[in-house]
Structures are given as C-alpha cells and as structure tokens.
Amino acid sequence: MSGAVDLSSLKQPPAGAPAAAGGGDYAVDEANFETKVLRRSVQVPVVVALYSQRSPGSVELVRTLERLVGESGGAWDLATVEAESNMRIAQAFGVQGIPTVIAVAGGQPLADFQGAQPEAQVRQWLSAVIDAVAGKLPGGEEPEEVPEDPRFVAAETALEQGDYAGAEAAYEAIIAAEPGNEEAKGALRQLRFLSRAQGLTESALATADADPGNVDAALDAADVEMLNQQPEAAFDRLIAVVKRSAGDERTKARTRLLELFELFDQAEPFVVAARRKLAAALY
C-alpha cells in the first residue's frame, strides 16, 4: 500500500450497490463494508483479504484464512473481497497487487502483506496483529470520522459510474495541483492498470508464447501475469522483449515495464533485481 489510507468513503456504499455475491459468511462488498469491517474492527481486528478468482494463489490464501479464522476462537474476524468487482475498496486501501491482506483495527489499517504466503508465516503475522491490539480497541465506539476530500469523492463517483476517463482526469487534476500527493498517484496507477488489464483472459499467454515477436501480445500477457500475482514472470517477459527488439518496439516494452515497476514498492527485492536485468538488456 502507498500513501495515506482513508476508509471513510466506504462508510456509505453507492446507491444501488448490490449485496455480497457468494463467498460465504466472510464475503464483503461495498454494501456491507461498514458493518463487517469498520464497525466490527472496533471489537476485534478484521483481516481483509483482497483476491481474484483468476489468481489461484490468492484463492488458496483465502481458503487458508477461512480455516484459520475458524480456529481463532473469535480473536479476529475475516472479510474476503473480490477485488475486480470491488474496485473502490481496493482503491481505498491503495492495493497494488493481488492478493493483498490488510488488518483493520479501530477503523484504520494496522498492518498488511502482499502476495501468497506459507501458512506458518500467515500464522505468525496474525499473532503479531492480535498482540498489537491487545487491550487497545475501543469496543463499541465508532471509529473516528475522517473528512472526505471532495476531489477524491469526484474521482470515486466517476469510477462508480464506469467513467474511467473521468476518474483518470480527476486524479490527474489532483496531481497537477499537488505533485507530491502519493495517494492520488497510487490510485491513478492502479486505475490505469486495472482498466487496461481487466478485459484480458488467460488466452493472452498462449498467444504471446506462440508469437514471440508480437510485442503487443507480450504486453497483454505481462498484464495477465500481473493479475495472476506473477510479477517476476511479467518482468522477465518484457525484459526479453527489450533484449530482442529495437526502435519503437523496444521503447514500448521498456515503457510498459517501468509502469509495472511503479505498482510496487521500489525497494522490493524482485523489483530491484528486475531493474538490474533491464539495465543489462539495454546496455
């Protein structure tokens, strides 16, 4: 996650928001986010798992969390969010990859991790979260209200209405006025990636593999790999394109690769390693 995280915009779902669709008792969408996450988190920490049905690793992580919460004796609660159908929730948390897991306590994010993790590490993380909030939650009190920024409200409203261009323009206007606004920058990067990638299917991988010289196919395949929580595979695919191409095609692949780097913390080891590979491919 990057920038400040403001969950206040999710206290009231947009008009006509549908109820949670499937996923059992832990499924959460905008219609029940306030009840199942914000209000519940003043009693016990709520672990919010954002996942995609197209990412087997994230689905498996959700299953692990569902099993662990059943063993917890009520020490924490779980909220599972299908990210692609709940973009406002993913945006509010500043999610940059799937799966992402965030612990919410007292109405505010407390800790998070990204990517599938072994069960032992998940258990250790949960123990740390429970220890961190022991005796500190306000019980039945409402979390403190945070005033909404009308500029972000306008962007989110456009997004709810399916106006991706309008949402993008709204975020760009915020950044133009405040070049250092990391929340807007992160939201804009995520919006551009999701709006571009959400219509792609797994067939893009086979298409790219069958025609290595097709740069556009490689770009689509890299996006699918990102959605599948395989950033290293996406990076390696585009670096290979940079190595074997020249001119406009090389520039196109390099530009897309740099955009994908920006979806992550630049200190992540796999990003640092990929940047070194890119430098070697270029020079």
Foldseek 3Di string as FASTA:
>chain_A
DDADFDCLVLLDADPPDDAFDDPPPQEDASVCCCPNAQQVQLAAKEKEWEAAPLAVLSVVQVVLVVVVVVVPPPNYHYHYYDCLVHVVVCLSGLALAPTKIFIDHLRHTDDIDHDRDDSVVVVVVVVVRSVVCVPPRPHRDGRDRDDDDVLQVQLVVCVVVVNLVRNLVSLVVVCVVPVPRTSSVSSNLVSVLCVVQVPDDCVLLVVCVVPVQPLVSLLNNLSSCRRNVNNLVSLVSLLVQLLVDDDPSNVVSVVSNVSSLVSDDCPPPSNVVSVVSSVVSND
